[in-house]
Each structure stands twice: as structure tokens, then as C-alpha cells.
Amino acid sequence: MKQAKDLRIVYMGTPDFAVAPLKALVEGGYNVVAVVTTPDKPSGRGLKMNESAVKRYAQEVGLPIMQPEKLRDENFVSEFKALDADLGIVIAFRMLPEIIWAAPKMGTFNLHASLLPQYRGAAPINRAIMNGETITGVTTFLLNPQIDEGAVIGQVKVEIEPCDNVGTLHDKLMNVGVDLVLETVEKLASGDYTPIEQTEMIEGELKPAPKIFKEDCHIDFSQSGKDIVNLVRGLSPYPAAWAQLSENLSTKIFEVEFTPKDNGGVEIGTILSDEKKYIKVVCSDGEIEIKDLQISGKKRMKTEELLRGFRNPTEYRCY
């Protein structure tokens, strides 16, 4: 049996979340024989070609890079199989066809940013916070034909603090995920592990983590303050919760604070402000103070800064 650092590893990933585990593998002396990532895409006003975070790191350390347009393309499949990989690792990448994930001799495992079987899907970090969870974590599991349903190899729990948003929780999960990826490689190499089928782990109702769309980010101020706070946290800093102020003006909202209060019949969505330091919005059971926002056409800023130039905020309404 090969030692863990002798395994021929193919690493598949795209965003920043996938860079830290790859860096740990490289710096730990593991044998990463190739990196698979998304093709470069034009972005911005100048349509400059944008490279994935994983590609940029792979270039820095001289790893071979593969960027297939289609994962079932015959040439890519042939090149992938020619790598003669022992193990595939996929983190924050596209859905893999079986012809790819089953090609490495030991199969392919994924690092998922939730405690599977809960929060299967594309947005587990967002959805956990949006739902008001206080505990989440990371899971490594072996890929099989069902999305996010393979046998679990390892898990680490992480506490979600009341002050956490997607940005801070992302970094926490990324950090613990690094160690779990290395542990998983060692376990697979030694054979000293017992994969657990997710069907044996289901407790209560399963909560999905589907992709986030623009309509998911809209703040409904008729909801409770607690739910609004969780929505904002679960979408900050990206893609960001938003509200309409008028027909032609909207705002992204990154940080809020809720105060329970009897509104005395004041209409939901009404904006309250001293026009110097605070902007508050009436919700179903109190007031939501907006601390950090980005009015359309302006940069992101704290409320006090915005109010130096944004006049008559109470003439608007959040809806």
C-alpha cells in the first residue's frame, strides 16, 4: 500500500475556499500531479480574462493545470485518465460526471461546507446562517452518482457566533477544512477508516442548500427582526441582501441590528432617521437599524458616512 505522500492526487476546485487545502497539500509534500479548474472568463468593463483563484495559486507553484470547457469532452477524459491518479479531491467545483470521479484508483472525495446530510447543495454556508443555525461544520465524503450523498469519511463541527456572517464563517470553515482534507488523505492511504452512509446519519428533517438567486436576497420587512438579521448575515458580504427604496433606487444591506419594539401602527417599511447617525426601518416586531449599506450608484459605506450626502432618507420607504 502506498504512503499518503506517494499518492498521485488530482485536485479540482475554483474559488478561494479551495485554495487553502491545495496549498496545504503542496506545502505538506503531497504529490499533486494536476489541478483541474474552470476556464478563464472575461469580466468587468474591459472584459479582462479572469482566472480562478485555484489557477492563480497553481501557476505560482508550477502545477500542471487543466481547464476543460466540458468535463465529458473526449480529449479531456483521455488526458485525465492518462494522469494515472490514485485519488481525486474536489472542493467547490462543478458537478463531476462519473467517468471523471470514478477514474482515480481510490475514487474522489469532496470537502463540503456543512455537516452532511444537512445542507446538501450549492450554498451551505449562506443557508445555514439564513436559517439561524448555531452549529455547522465541514464534511469529507466519497463521491457517488447522487449529489452530496456519498459515504462520509470525516466531519468537524464549527460554532456559528451571533456576529458571524458568510465572510467570517467561510474563513472559519476553510481553516478547519484544511486539516480535515489532510486527515482524509491519510485515512484513505492507510485504509484505517470506516465510511458512514448518510442514510444512517439522518436525524429529523433534511434542510437543503440550493443556489442563491436575486429574489432570495430581497428583504421582506413584514418578517420578524430575527429573520431579517439572519438573512442579512447569511448574504453578507456576497451576494448581499437588498431592498427597494423607490422605483429607480435600491440598496444593498450588509449589516443590521434589531431592536424589538411596539410600532404603534407605523407602517412596515417606514424609514426612521435623525439624518445624521442612523437609519432604521420598521419591521413586523420592531426596528431594523441599517449599519452598513450600498445605495445603487454609490460605494459601500457606513450609515453615518452615507448621511453626510444622502438627503431626506425618511422620504423613502423600504419594500
C-alpha atoms as a PDB file:
ATOM      1  CA  MET A   1       0.000   0.000   0.000  1.00  0.00           C
ATOM      2  CA  LYS A   2       1.271   3.475  -0.928  1.00  0.00           C
ATOM      3  CA  GLN A   3       2.095   6.100   1.656  1.00  0.00           C
ATOM      4  CA  ALA A   4      -0.157   9.150   1.631  1.00  0.00           C
ATOM      5  CA  LYS A   5       2.543  11.399   0.179  1.00  0.00           C
ATOM      6  CA  ASP A   6       3.192   8.963  -2.643  1.00  0.00           C
ATOM      7  CA  LEU A   7      -0.405   9.018  -3.875  1.00  0.00           C
ATOM      8  CA  ARG A   8      -0.896  10.633  -7.266  1.00  0.00           C
ATOM      9  CA  ILE A   9      -3.516  13.282  -6.456  1.00  0.00           C
ATOM     10  CA  VAL A  10      -5.622  15.267  -8.916  1.00  0.00           C
ATOM     11  CA  TYR A  11      -7.084  18.378  -7.326  1.00  0.00           C
ATOM     12  CA  MET A  12     -10.279  20.004  -8.647  1.00  0.00           C
ATOM     13  CA  GLY A  13     -11.511  23.404  -7.458  1.00  0.00           C
ATOM     14  CA  THR A  14     -12.166  27.019  -8.347  1.00  0.00           C
ATOM     15  CA  PRO A  15     -12.632  29.771  -5.664  1.00  0.00           C
ATOM     16  CA  ASP A  16     -10.633  30.978  -2.664  1.00  0.00           C
ATOM     17  CA  PHE A  17     -12.251  28.324  -0.450  1.00  0.00           C
ATOM     18  CA  ALA A  18     -10.420  25.667  -2.492  1.00  0.00           C
ATOM     19  CA  VAL A  19      -7.005  27.359  -2.409  1.00  0.00           C
ATOM     20  CA  ALA A  20      -6.119  26.788   1.255  1.00  0.00           C
ATOM     21  CA  PRO A  21      -6.425  22.954   1.147  1.00  0.00           C
ATOM     22  CA  LEU A  22      -4.443  22.839  -2.113  1.00  0.00           C
ATOM     23  CA  LYS A  23      -1.724  25.000  -0.577  1.00  0.00           C
ATOM     24  CA  ALA A  24      -1.579  22.718   2.477  1.00  0.00           C
ATOM     25  CA  LEU A  25      -1.197  19.652   0.247  1.00  0.00           C
ATOM     26  CA  VAL A  26       1.605  21.238  -1.774  1.00  0.00           C
ATOM     27  CA  GLU A  27       3.455  22.632   1.244  1.00  0.00           C
ATOM     28  CA  GLY A  28       2.943  19.333   3.082  1.00  0.00           C
ATOM     29  CA  GLY A  29       4.794  17.444   0.350  1.00  0.00           C
ATOM     30  CA  TYR A  30       1.825  15.578  -1.106  1.00  0.00           C
ATOM     31  CA  ASN A  31       2.063  14.567  -4.765  1.00  0.00           C
ATOM     32  CA  VAL A  32      -0.432  16.771  -6.617  1.00  0.00           C
ATOM     33  CA  VAL A  33       0.045  15.759 -10.253  1.00  0.00           C
ATOM     34  CA  ALA A  34      -2.503  18.159 -11.786  1.00  0.00           C
ATOM     35  CA  VAL A  35      -5.091  20.797 -10.989  1.00  0.00           C
ATOM     36  CA  VAL A  36      -8.454  20.974 -12.771  1.00  0.00           C
ATOM     37  CA  THR A  37     -10.276  24.300 -12.656  1.00  0.00           C
ATOM     38  CA  THR A  38     -12.758  26.378 -14.644  1.00  0.00           C
ATOM     39  CA  PRO A  39     -11.797  28.088 -17.907  1.00  0.00           C
ATOM     40  CA  ASP A  40     -10.811  31.760 -17.777  1.00  0.00           C
ATOM     41  CA  LYS A  41     -13.781  34.080 -18.245  1.00  0.00           C
ATOM     42  CA  PRO A  42     -13.994  37.724 -19.387  1.00  0.00           C
ATOM     43  CA  SER A  43     -15.287  40.061 -16.680  1.00  0.00           C
ATOM     44  CA  GLY A  44     -15.558  43.760 -15.901  1.00  0.00           C
ATOM     45  CA  ARG A  45     -15.964  46.673 -18.260  1.00  0.00           C
ATOM     46  CA  GLY A  46     -12.769  45.855 -20.130  1.00  0.00           C
ATOM     47  CA  LEU A  47     -13.730  42.175 -20.369  1.00  0.00           C
ATOM     48  CA  LYS A  48     -10.348  41.239 -18.952  1.00  0.00           C
ATOM     49  CA  MET A  49      -9.855  37.493 -18.715  1.00  0.00           C
ATOM     50  CA  ASN A  50     -10.421  36.434 -15.116  1.00  0.00           C
ATOM     51  CA  GLU A  51      -8.552  33.404 -13.782  1.00  0.00           C
ATOM     52  CA  SER A  52      -9.853  31.281 -10.902  1.00  0.00           C
ATOM     53  CA  ALA A  53      -8.186  31.601  -7.504  1.00  0.00           C
ATOM     54  CA  VAL A  54      -7.091  27.956  -7.749  1.00  0.00           C
ATOM     55  CA  LYS A  55      -5.476  28.550 -11.143  1.00  0.00           C
ATOM     56  CA  ARG A  56      -3.568  31.573  -9.877  1.00  0.00           C
ATOM     57  CA  TYR A  57      -2.133  29.557  -6.976  1.00  0.00           C
ATOM     58  CA  ALA A  58      -1.355  26.556  -9.185  1.00  0.00           C
ATOM     59  CA  GLN A  59       0.578  28.820 -11.538  1.00  0.00           C
ATOM     60  CA  GLU A  60       2.581  30.270  -8.640  1.00  0.00           C
ATOM     61  CA  VAL A  61       3.807  26.831  -7.590  1.00  0.00           C
ATOM     62  CA  GLY A  62       4.161  25.361 -11.082  1.00  0.00           C
ATOM     63  CA  LEU A  63       1.434  22.720 -11.003  1.00  0.00           C
ATOM     64  CA  PRO A  64       0.062  21.376 -14.323  1.00  0.00           C
ATOM     65  CA  ILE A  65      -3.350  22.989 -14.991  1.00  0.00           C
ATOM     66  CA  MET A  66      -6.333  21.610 -16.917  1.00  0.00           C
ATOM     67  CA  GLN A  67      -9.291  23.873 -17.818  1.00  0.00           C
ATOM     68  CA  PRO A  68     -11.878  21.870 -19.740  1.00  0.00           C
ATOM     69  CA  GLU A  69     -14.957  23.609 -21.136  1.00  0.00           C
ATOM     70  CA  LYS A  70     -16.843  20.328 -20.866  1.00  0.00           C
ATOM     71  CA  LEU A  71     -15.970  17.612 -18.380  1.00  0.00           C
ATOM     72  CA  ARG A  72     -17.186  14.877 -20.735  1.00  0.00           C
ATOM     73  CA  ASP A  73     -15.033  16.091 -23.632  1.00  0.00           C
ATOM     74  CA  GLU A  74     -13.204  13.075 -25.084  1.00  0.00           C
ATOM     75  CA  ASN A  75      -9.805  14.794 -25.122  1.00  0.00           C
ATOM     76  CA  PHE A  76     -10.133  15.919 -21.507  1.00  0.00           C
ATOM     77  CA  VAL A  77     -11.306  12.490 -20.341  1.00  0.00           C
ATOM     78  CA  SER A  78      -8.362  10.892 -22.139  1.00  0.00           C
ATOM     79  CA  GLU A  79      -5.879  13.364 -20.623  1.00  0.00           C
ATOM     80  CA  PHE A  80      -7.428  12.935 -17.179  1.00  0.00           C
ATOM     81  CA  LYS A  81      -7.153   9.147 -17.308  1.00  0.00           C
ATOM     82  CA  ALA A  82      -3.563   9.423 -18.550  1.00  0.00           C
ATOM     83  CA  LEU A  83      -2.646  11.099 -15.245  1.00  0.00           C
ATOM     84  CA  ASP A  84      -2.999   7.643 -13.673  1.00  0.00           C
ATOM     85  CA  ALA A  85      -4.301   9.239 -10.482  1.00  0.00           C
ATOM     86  CA  ASP A  86      -4.655   7.336  -7.235  1.00  0.00           C
ATOM     87  CA  LEU A  87      -7.005   9.879  -5.657  1.00  0.00           C
ATOM     88  CA  GLY A  88      -9.200  12.769  -6.731  1.00  0.00           C
ATOM     89  CA  ILE A  89     -10.046  15.699  -4.429  1.00  0.00           C
ATOM     90  CA  VAL A  90     -12.825  18.106  -5.389  1.00  0.00           C
ATOM     91  CA  ILE A  91     -13.602  21.305  -3.471  1.00  0.00           C
ATOM     92  CA  ALA A  92     -16.039  23.994  -4.650  1.00  0.00           C
ATOM     93  CA  PHE A  93     -16.057  22.848  -8.252  1.00  0.00           C
ATOM     94  CA  ARG A  94     -18.613  21.753 -10.821  1.00  0.00           C
ATOM     95  CA  MET A  95     -20.653  18.578 -10.675  1.00  0.00           C
ATOM     96  CA  LEU A  96     -18.395  15.806 -11.949  1.00  0.00           C
ATOM     97  CA  PRO A  97     -19.530  13.051 -14.315  1.00  0.00           C
ATOM     98  CA  GLU A  98     -18.858   9.514 -13.139  1.00  0.00           C
ATOM     99  CA  ILE A  99     -16.279   8.989 -15.890  1.00  0.00           C
ATOM    100  CA  ILE A 100     -14.129  11.551 -14.044  1.00  0.00           C
ATOM    101  CA  TRP A 101     -14.798  10.996 -10.336  1.00  0.00           C
ATOM    102  CA  ALA A 102     -14.528   7.220 -10.679  1.00  0.00           C
ATOM    103  CA  ALA A 103     -11.291   7.334 -12.699  1.00  0.00           C
ATOM    104  CA  PRO A 104      -8.774   7.584  -9.804  1.00  0.00           C
ATOM    105  CA  LYS A 105      -7.996   4.155  -8.329  1.00  0.00           C
ATOM    106  CA  MET A 106      -9.228   5.143  -4.847  1.00  0.00           C
ATOM    107  CA  GLY A 107     -12.068   7.312  -6.127  1.00  0.00           C
ATOM    108  CA  THR A 108     -12.657  11.002  -5.400  1.00  0.00           C
ATOM    109  CA  PHE A 109     -13.625  12.761  -2.212  1.00  0.00           C
ATOM    110  CA  ASN A 110     -15.246  16.154  -1.682  1.00  0.00           C
ATOM    111  CA  LEU A 111     -14.965  18.730   1.103  1.00  0.00           C
ATOM    112  CA  HIS A 112     -18.438  20.149   1.745  1.00  0.00           C
ATOM    113  CA  ALA A 113     -19.097  23.199   3.922  1.00  0.00           C
ATOM    114  CA  SER A 114     -21.821  21.672   6.110  1.00  0.00           C
ATOM    115  CA  LEU A 115     -22.459  18.755   8.419  1.00  0.00           C
ATOM    116  CA  LEU A 116     -23.880  16.368   5.852  1.00  0.00           C
ATOM    117  CA  PRO A 117     -26.507  15.077   5.313  1.00  0.00           C
ATOM    118  CA  GLN A 118     -27.784  18.556   6.273  1.00  0.00           C
ATOM    119  CA  TYR A 119     -27.411  21.405   3.787  1.00  0.00           C
ATOM    120  CA  ARG A 120     -26.681  19.469   0.640  1.00  0.00           C
ATOM    121  CA  GLY A 121     -26.417  21.857  -2.279  1.00  0.00           C
ATOM    122  CA  ALA A 122     -24.600  24.870  -3.694  1.00  0.00           C
ATOM    123  CA  ALA A 123     -24.948  27.375  -0.817  1.00  0.00           C
ATOM    124  CA  PRO A 124     -24.489  25.584   2.523  1.00  0.00           C
ATOM    125  CA  ILE A 125     -22.751  28.472   4.318  1.00  0.00           C
ATOM    126  CA  ASN A 126     -25.376  31.029   3.300  1.00  0.00           C
ATOM    127  CA  ARG A 127     -28.335  28.793   4.043  1.00  0.00           C
ATOM    128  CA  ALA A 128     -27.119  27.747   7.496  1.00  0.00           C
ATOM    129  CA  ILE A 129     -26.886  31.370   8.653  1.00  0.00           C
ATOM    130  CA  MET A 130     -30.106  32.396   6.883  1.00  0.00           C
ATOM    131  CA  ASN A 131     -31.894  29.622   8.797  1.00  0.00           C
ATOM    132  CA  GLY A 132     -30.490  30.793  12.133  1.00  0.00           C
ATOM    133  CA  GLU A 133     -28.296  27.755  12.802  1.00  0.00           C
ATOM    134  CA  THR A 134     -25.789  27.951  15.654  1.00  0.00           C
ATOM    135  CA  ILE A 135     -23.710  24.936  14.617  1.00  0.00           C
ATOM    136  CA  THR A 136     -22.353  23.914  11.219  1.00  0.00           C
ATOM    137  CA  GLY A 137     -19.119  22.341  10.045  1.00  0.00           C
ATOM    138  CA  VAL A 138     -17.255  20.633   7.239  1.00  0.00           C
ATOM    139  CA  THR A 139     -17.544  17.109   5.872  1.00  0.00           C
ATOM    140  CA  THR A 140     -15.402  14.940   3.617  1.00  0.00           C
ATOM    141  CA  PHE A 141     -17.238  12.244   1.685  1.00  0.00           C
ATOM    142  CA  LEU A 142     -16.677   9.893  -1.231  1.00  0.00           C
ATOM    143  CA  LEU A 143     -18.404  10.902  -4.449  1.00  0.00           C
ATOM    144  CA  ASN A 144     -21.125   8.673  -5.822  1.00  0.00           C
ATOM    145  CA  PRO A 145     -23.793   9.215  -8.528  1.00  0.00           C
ATOM    146  CA  GLN A 146     -26.045  11.218  -6.160  1.00  0.00           C
ATOM    147  CA  ILE A 147     -25.087  14.847  -5.469  1.00  0.00           C
ATOM    148  CA  ASP A 148     -23.630  15.320  -1.956  1.00  0.00           C
ATOM    149  CA  GLU A 149     -24.905  11.910  -0.821  1.00  0.00           C
ATOM    150  CA  GLY A 150     -21.730   9.803  -0.709  1.00  0.00           C
ATOM    151  CA  ALA A 151     -20.383   7.974   2.334  1.00  0.00           C
ATOM    152  CA  VAL A 152     -18.894  10.287   4.974  1.00  0.00           C
ATOM    153  CA  ILE A 153     -15.226   9.940   5.906  1.00  0.00           C
ATOM    154  CA  GLY A 154     -14.820  12.775   8.402  1.00  0.00           C
ATOM    155  CA  GLN A 155     -16.565  15.769   9.966  1.00  0.00           C
ATOM    156  CA  VAL A 156     -15.610  18.754  12.127  1.00  0.00           C
ATOM    157  CA  LYS A 157     -18.190  20.937  13.882  1.00  0.00           C
ATOM    158  CA  VAL A 158     -17.909  24.729  13.946  1.00  0.00           C
ATOM    159  CA  GLU A 159     -19.931  27.133  16.075  1.00  0.00           C
ATOM    160  CA  ILE A 160     -21.780  29.954  14.327  1.00  0.00           C
ATOM    161  CA  GLU A 161     -21.450  33.070  16.500  1.00  0.00           C
ATOM    162  CA  PRO A 162     -24.201  35.727  16.507  1.00  0.00           C
ATOM    163  CA  CYS A 163     -21.693  38.139  14.939  1.00  0.00           C
ATOM    164  CA  ASP A 164     -20.769  35.766  12.100  1.00  0.00           C
ATOM    165  CA  ASN A 165     -21.723  36.475   8.520  1.00  0.00           C
ATOM    166  CA  VAL A 166     -20.932  34.492   5.383  1.00  0.00           C
ATOM    167  CA  GLY A 167     -17.489  36.067   5.110  1.00  0.00           C
ATOM    168  CA  THR A 168     -16.336  35.218   8.629  1.00  0.00           C
ATOM    169  CA  LEU A 169     -17.918  31.762   8.656  1.00  0.00           C
ATOM    170  CA  HIS A 170     -16.411  30.980   5.248  1.00  0.00           C
ATOM    171  CA  ASP A 171     -12.951  31.632   6.677  1.00  0.00           C
ATOM    172  CA  LYS A 172     -13.592  29.538   9.801  1.00  0.00           C
ATOM    173  CA  LEU A 173     -14.780  26.589   7.717  1.00  0.00           C
ATOM    174  CA  MET A 174     -11.911  26.973   5.272  1.00  0.00           C
ATOM    175  CA  ASN A 175      -9.381  26.805   8.100  1.00  0.00           C
ATOM    176  CA  VAL A 176     -10.809  23.671   9.711  1.00  0.00           C
ATOM    177  CA  GLY A 177     -11.375  22.190   6.258  1.00  0.00           C
ATOM    178  CA  VAL A 178      -7.657  22.282   5.521  1.00  0.00           C
ATOM    179  CA  ASP A 179      -6.851  19.921   8.389  1.00  0.00           C
ATOM    180  CA  LEU A 180      -9.789  17.662   7.534  1.00  0.00           C
ATOM    181  CA  VAL A 181      -8.628  17.290   3.921  1.00  0.00           C
ATOM    182  CA  LEU A 182      -5.136  16.245   5.048  1.00  0.00           C
ATOM    183  CA  GLU A 183      -6.617  13.847   7.624  1.00  0.00           C
ATOM    184  CA  THR A 184      -8.839  12.330   4.943  1.00  0.00           C
ATOM    185  CA  VAL A 185      -5.939  11.734   2.565  1.00  0.00           C
ATOM    186  CA  GLU A 186      -4.041   9.984   5.361  1.00  0.00           C
ATOM    187  CA  LYS A 187      -7.064   7.845   6.271  1.00  0.00           C
ATOM    188  CA  LEU A 188      -7.645   6.774   2.672  1.00  0.00           C
ATOM    189  CA  ALA A 189      -3.980   5.919   2.190  1.00  0.00           C
ATOM    190  CA  SER A 190      -3.853   3.803   5.360  1.00  0.00           C
ATOM    191  CA  GLY A 191      -7.270   2.210   4.886  1.00  0.00           C
ATOM    192  CA  ASP A 192      -7.868   2.923   8.577  1.00  0.00           C
ATOM    193  CA  TYR A 193     -11.372   4.372   8.337  1.00  0.00           C
ATOM    194  CA  THR A 194     -14.987   3.288   8.131  1.00  0.00           C
ATOM    195  CA  PRO A 195     -17.121   5.309   5.693  1.00  0.00           C
ATOM    196  CA  ILE A 196     -20.594   6.039   7.068  1.00  0.00           C
ATOM    197  CA  GLU A 197     -23.541   6.062   4.704  1.00  0.00           C
ATOM    198  CA  GLN A 198     -25.522   9.277   5.028  1.00  0.00           C
ATOM    199  CA  THR A 199     -28.768   7.327   5.257  1.00  0.00           C
ATOM    200  CA  GLU A 200     -27.537   6.168   8.682  1.00  0.00           C
ATOM    201  CA  MET A 201     -26.908   9.765   9.808  1.00  0.00           C
ATOM    202  CA  ILE A 202     -30.250  11.415   9.057  1.00  0.00           C
ATOM    203  CA  GLU A 203     -31.865  12.942  12.143  1.00  0.00           C
ATOM    204  CA  GLY A 204     -35.076  14.897  11.652  1.00  0.00           C
ATOM    205  CA  GLU A 205     -35.992  16.862   8.550  1.00  0.00           C
ATOM    206  CA  LEU A 206     -33.280  17.454   5.958  1.00  0.00           C
ATOM    207  CA  LYS A 207     -32.551  21.100   5.163  1.00  0.00           C
ATOM    208  CA  PRO A 208     -31.386  21.778   1.598  1.00  0.00           C
ATOM    209  CA  ALA A 209     -28.881  24.437   0.454  1.00  0.00           C
ATOM    210  CA  PRO A 210     -29.968  25.417  -3.054  1.00  0.00           C
ATOM    211  CA  LYS A 211     -28.200  28.055  -5.122  1.00  0.00           C
ATOM    212  CA  ILE A 212     -28.895  31.684  -4.144  1.00  0.00           C
ATOM    213  CA  PHE A 213     -30.854  33.807  -6.630  1.00  0.00           C
ATOM    214  CA  LYS A 214     -31.582  37.549  -6.567  1.00  0.00           C
ATOM    215  CA  GLU A 215     -35.120  37.037  -5.268  1.00  0.00           C
ATOM    216  CA  ASP A 216     -33.719  35.053  -2.303  1.00  0.00           C
ATOM    217  CA  CYS A 217     -31.779  38.184  -1.285  1.00  0.00           C
ATOM    218  CA  HIS A 218     -34.749  40.558  -1.135  1.00  0.00           C
ATOM    219  CA  ILE A 219     -35.588  41.727   2.395  1.00  0.00           C
ATOM    220  CA  ASP A 220     -39.247  41.397   3.339  1.00  0.00           C
ATOM    221  CA  PHE A 221     -39.707  43.830   6.225  1.00  0.00           C
ATOM    222  CA  SER A 222     -43.011  42.199   7.178  1.00  0.00           C
ATOM    223  CA  GLN A 223     -40.922  39.349   8.586  1.00  0.00           C
ATOM    224  CA  SER A 224     -39.587  39.208  12.129  1.00  0.00           C
ATOM    225  CA  GLY A 225     -36.482  41.182  13.019  1.00  0.00           C
ATOM    226  CA  LYS A 226     -34.621  37.985  13.886  1.00  0.00           C
ATOM    227  CA  ASP A 227     -35.286  36.529  10.442  1.00  0.00           C
ATOM    228  CA  ILE A 228     -34.210  39.744   8.723  1.00  0.00           C
ATOM    229  CA  VAL A 229     -30.953  39.842  10.695  1.00  0.00           C
ATOM    230  CA  ASN A 230     -30.221  36.222   9.738  1.00  0.00           C
ATOM    231  CA  LEU A 231     -30.971  36.931   6.075  1.00  0.00           C
ATOM    232  CA  VAL A 232     -28.574  39.881   6.026  1.00  0.00           C
ATOM    233  CA  ARG A 233     -25.844  37.916   7.836  1.00  0.00           C
ATOM    234  CA  GLY A 234     -26.357  34.952   5.534  1.00  0.00           C
ATOM    235  CA  LEU A 235     -25.767  37.079   2.443  1.00  0.00           C
ATOM    236  CA  SER A 236     -23.012  39.433   3.639  1.00  0.00           C
ATOM    237  CA  PRO A 237     -20.692  40.369   2.056  1.00  0.00           C
ATOM    238  CA  TYR A 238     -21.801  38.493  -1.051  1.00  0.00           C
ATOM    239  CA  PRO A 239     -24.215  38.428  -2.820  1.00  0.00           C
ATOM    240  CA  ALA A 240     -25.778  40.854  -0.254  1.00  0.00           C
ATOM    241  CA  ALA A 241     -29.355  41.353   0.880  1.00  0.00           C
ATOM    242  CA  TRP A 242     -31.220  44.207  -0.773  1.00  0.00           C
ATOM    243  CA  ALA A 243     -34.317  46.372  -0.562  1.00  0.00           C
ATOM    244  CA  GLN A 244     -36.063  48.765  -2.896  1.00  0.00           C
ATOM    245  CA  LEU A 245     -36.242  52.433  -1.833  1.00  0.00           C
ATOM    246  CA  SER A 246     -38.146  53.782  -4.819  1.00  0.00           C
ATOM    247  CA  GLU A 247     -38.918  52.673  -8.350  1.00  0.00           C
ATOM    248  CA  ASN A 248     -35.428  53.651  -9.523  1.00  0.00           C
ATOM    249  CA  LEU A 249     -33.398  53.308  -6.338  1.00  0.00           C
ATOM    250  CA  SER A 250     -32.354  50.246  -4.359  1.00  0.00           C
ATOM    251  CA  THR A 251     -29.782  49.447  -1.700  1.00  0.00           C
ATOM    252  CA  LYS A 252     -27.639  46.506  -0.730  1.00  0.00           C
ATOM    253  CA  ILE A 253     -27.518  45.968   3.032  1.00  0.00           C
ATOM    254  CA  PHE A 254     -24.536  44.333   4.731  1.00  0.00           C
ATOM    255  CA  GLU A 255     -25.025  44.824   8.474  1.00  0.00           C
ATOM    256  CA  VAL A 256     -28.092  45.448  10.620  1.00  0.00           C
ATOM    257  CA  GLU A 257     -29.170  45.439  14.252  1.00  0.00           C
ATOM    258  CA  PHE A 258     -32.643  44.571  15.501  1.00  0.00           C
ATOM    259  CA  THR A 259     -34.493  46.241  18.374  1.00  0.00           C
ATOM    260  CA  PRO A 260     -37.819  44.654  19.434  1.00  0.00           C
ATOM    261  CA  LYS A 261     -40.469  47.330  19.728  1.00  0.00           C
ATOM    262  CA  ASP A 262     -44.194  48.008  19.553  1.00  0.00           C
ATOM    263  CA  ASN A 263     -44.526  50.009  16.361  1.00  0.00           C
ATOM    264  CA  GLY A 264     -47.826  51.582  17.364  1.00  0.00           C
ATOM    265  CA  GLY A 265     -49.354  51.123  13.948  1.00  0.00           C
ATOM    266  CA  VAL A 266     -46.453  52.654  11.988  1.00  0.00           C
ATOM    267  CA  GLU A 267     -46.415  51.118   8.501  1.00  0.00           C
ATOM    268  CA  ILE A 268     -43.912  48.331   7.866  1.00  0.00           C
ATOM    269  CA  GLY A 269     -41.043  49.550   5.692  1.00  0.00           C
ATOM    270  CA  THR A 270     -41.196  53.109   7.049  1.00  0.00           C
ATOM    271  CA  ILE A 271     -37.743  54.681   7.327  1.00  0.00           C
ATOM    272  CA  LEU A 272     -36.814  56.494  10.552  1.00  0.00           C
ATOM    273  CA  SER A 273     -33.705  58.677  10.711  1.00  0.00           C
ATOM    274  CA  ASP A 274     -32.105  61.627  12.503  1.00  0.00           C
ATOM    275  CA  GLU A 275     -30.396  62.319   9.139  1.00  0.00           C
ATOM    276  CA  LYS A 276     -27.007  62.329  10.882  1.00  0.00           C
ATOM    277  CA  LYS A 277     -26.202  58.993  12.516  1.00  0.00           C
ATOM    278  CA  TYR A 278     -28.866  56.366  11.997  1.00  0.00           C
ATOM    279  CA  ILE A 279     -31.316  54.854   9.539  1.00  0.00           C
ATOM    280  CA  LYS A 280     -33.923  52.470  10.910  1.00  0.00           C
ATOM    281  CA  VAL A 281     -36.657  50.539   9.133  1.00  0.00           C
ATOM    282  CA  VAL A 282     -39.880  49.407  10.755  1.00  0.00           C
ATOM    283  CA  CYS A 283     -40.396  45.629  10.583  1.00  0.00           C
ATOM    284  CA  SER A 284     -43.142  43.362  11.950  1.00  0.00           C
ATOM    285  CA  ASP A 285     -41.934  43.334  15.550  1.00  0.00           C
ATOM    286  CA  GLY A 286     -39.591  46.285  15.921  1.00  0.00           C
ATOM    287  CA  GLU A 287     -36.931  48.282  14.126  1.00  0.00           C
ATOM    288  CA  ILE A 288     -34.019  47.232  11.942  1.00  0.00           C
ATOM    289  CA  GLU A 289     -31.103  49.656  12.154  1.00  0.00           C
ATOM    290  CA  ILE A 290     -29.014  49.627   8.972  1.00  0.00           C
ATOM    291  CA  LYS A 291     -25.327  49.956   9.823  1.00  0.00           C
ATOM    292  CA  ASP A 292     -23.571  49.237   6.522  1.00  0.00           C
ATOM    293  CA  LEU A 293     -25.073  49.649   3.046  1.00  0.00           C
ATOM    294  CA  GLN A 294     -24.552  50.478  -0.611  1.00  0.00           C
ATOM    295  CA  ILE A 295     -27.095  52.685  -2.339  1.00  0.00           C
ATOM    296  CA  SER A 296     -27.269  51.970  -6.071  1.00  0.00           C
ATOM    297  CA  GLY A 297     -24.745  54.128  -7.905  1.00  0.00           C
ATOM    298  CA  LYS A 298     -22.628  54.689  -4.789  1.00  0.00           C
ATOM    299  CA  LYS A 299     -19.855  52.835  -2.976  1.00  0.00           C
ATOM    300  CA  ARG A 300     -20.427  50.680   0.090  1.00  0.00           C
ATOM    301  CA  MET A 301     -20.265  52.751   3.293  1.00  0.00           C
ATOM    302  CA  LYS A 302     -21.311  53.044   6.923  1.00  0.00           C
ATOM    303  CA  THR A 303     -24.621  54.787   7.563  1.00  0.00           C
ATOM    304  CA  GLU A 304     -23.049  57.893   9.140  1.00  0.00           C
ATOM    305  CA  GLU A 305     -20.891  58.379   6.061  1.00  0.00           C
ATOM    306  CA  LEU A 306     -23.852  57.961   3.727  1.00  0.00           C
ATOM    307  CA  LEU A 307     -25.930  60.502   5.634  1.00  0.00           C
ATOM    308  CA  ARG A 308     -23.331  63.220   5.022  1.00  0.00           C
ATOM    309  CA  GLY A 309     -24.502  63.322   1.425  1.00  0.00           C
ATOM    310  CA  PHE A 310     -27.821  61.442   1.237  1.00  0.00           C
ATOM    311  CA  ARG A 311     -30.630  63.866   1.981  1.00  0.00           C
ATOM    312  CA  ASN A 312     -34.128  63.264   3.278  1.00  0.00           C
ATOM    313  CA  PRO A 313     -33.935  59.466   3.813  1.00  0.00           C
ATOM    314  CA  THR A 314     -37.347  59.431   5.516  1.00  0.00           C
ATOM    315  CA  GLU A 315     -38.969  60.400   2.237  1.00  0.00           C
ATOM    316  CA  TYR A 316     -38.193  56.888   1.008  1.00  0.00           C
ATOM    317  CA  ARG A 317     -39.631  53.537   2.072  1.00  0.00           C
ATOM    318  CA  CYS A 318     -38.072  50.061   2.135  1.00  0.00           C
ATOM    319  CA  TYR A 319     -40.030  47.459   0.188  1.00  0.00           C
END
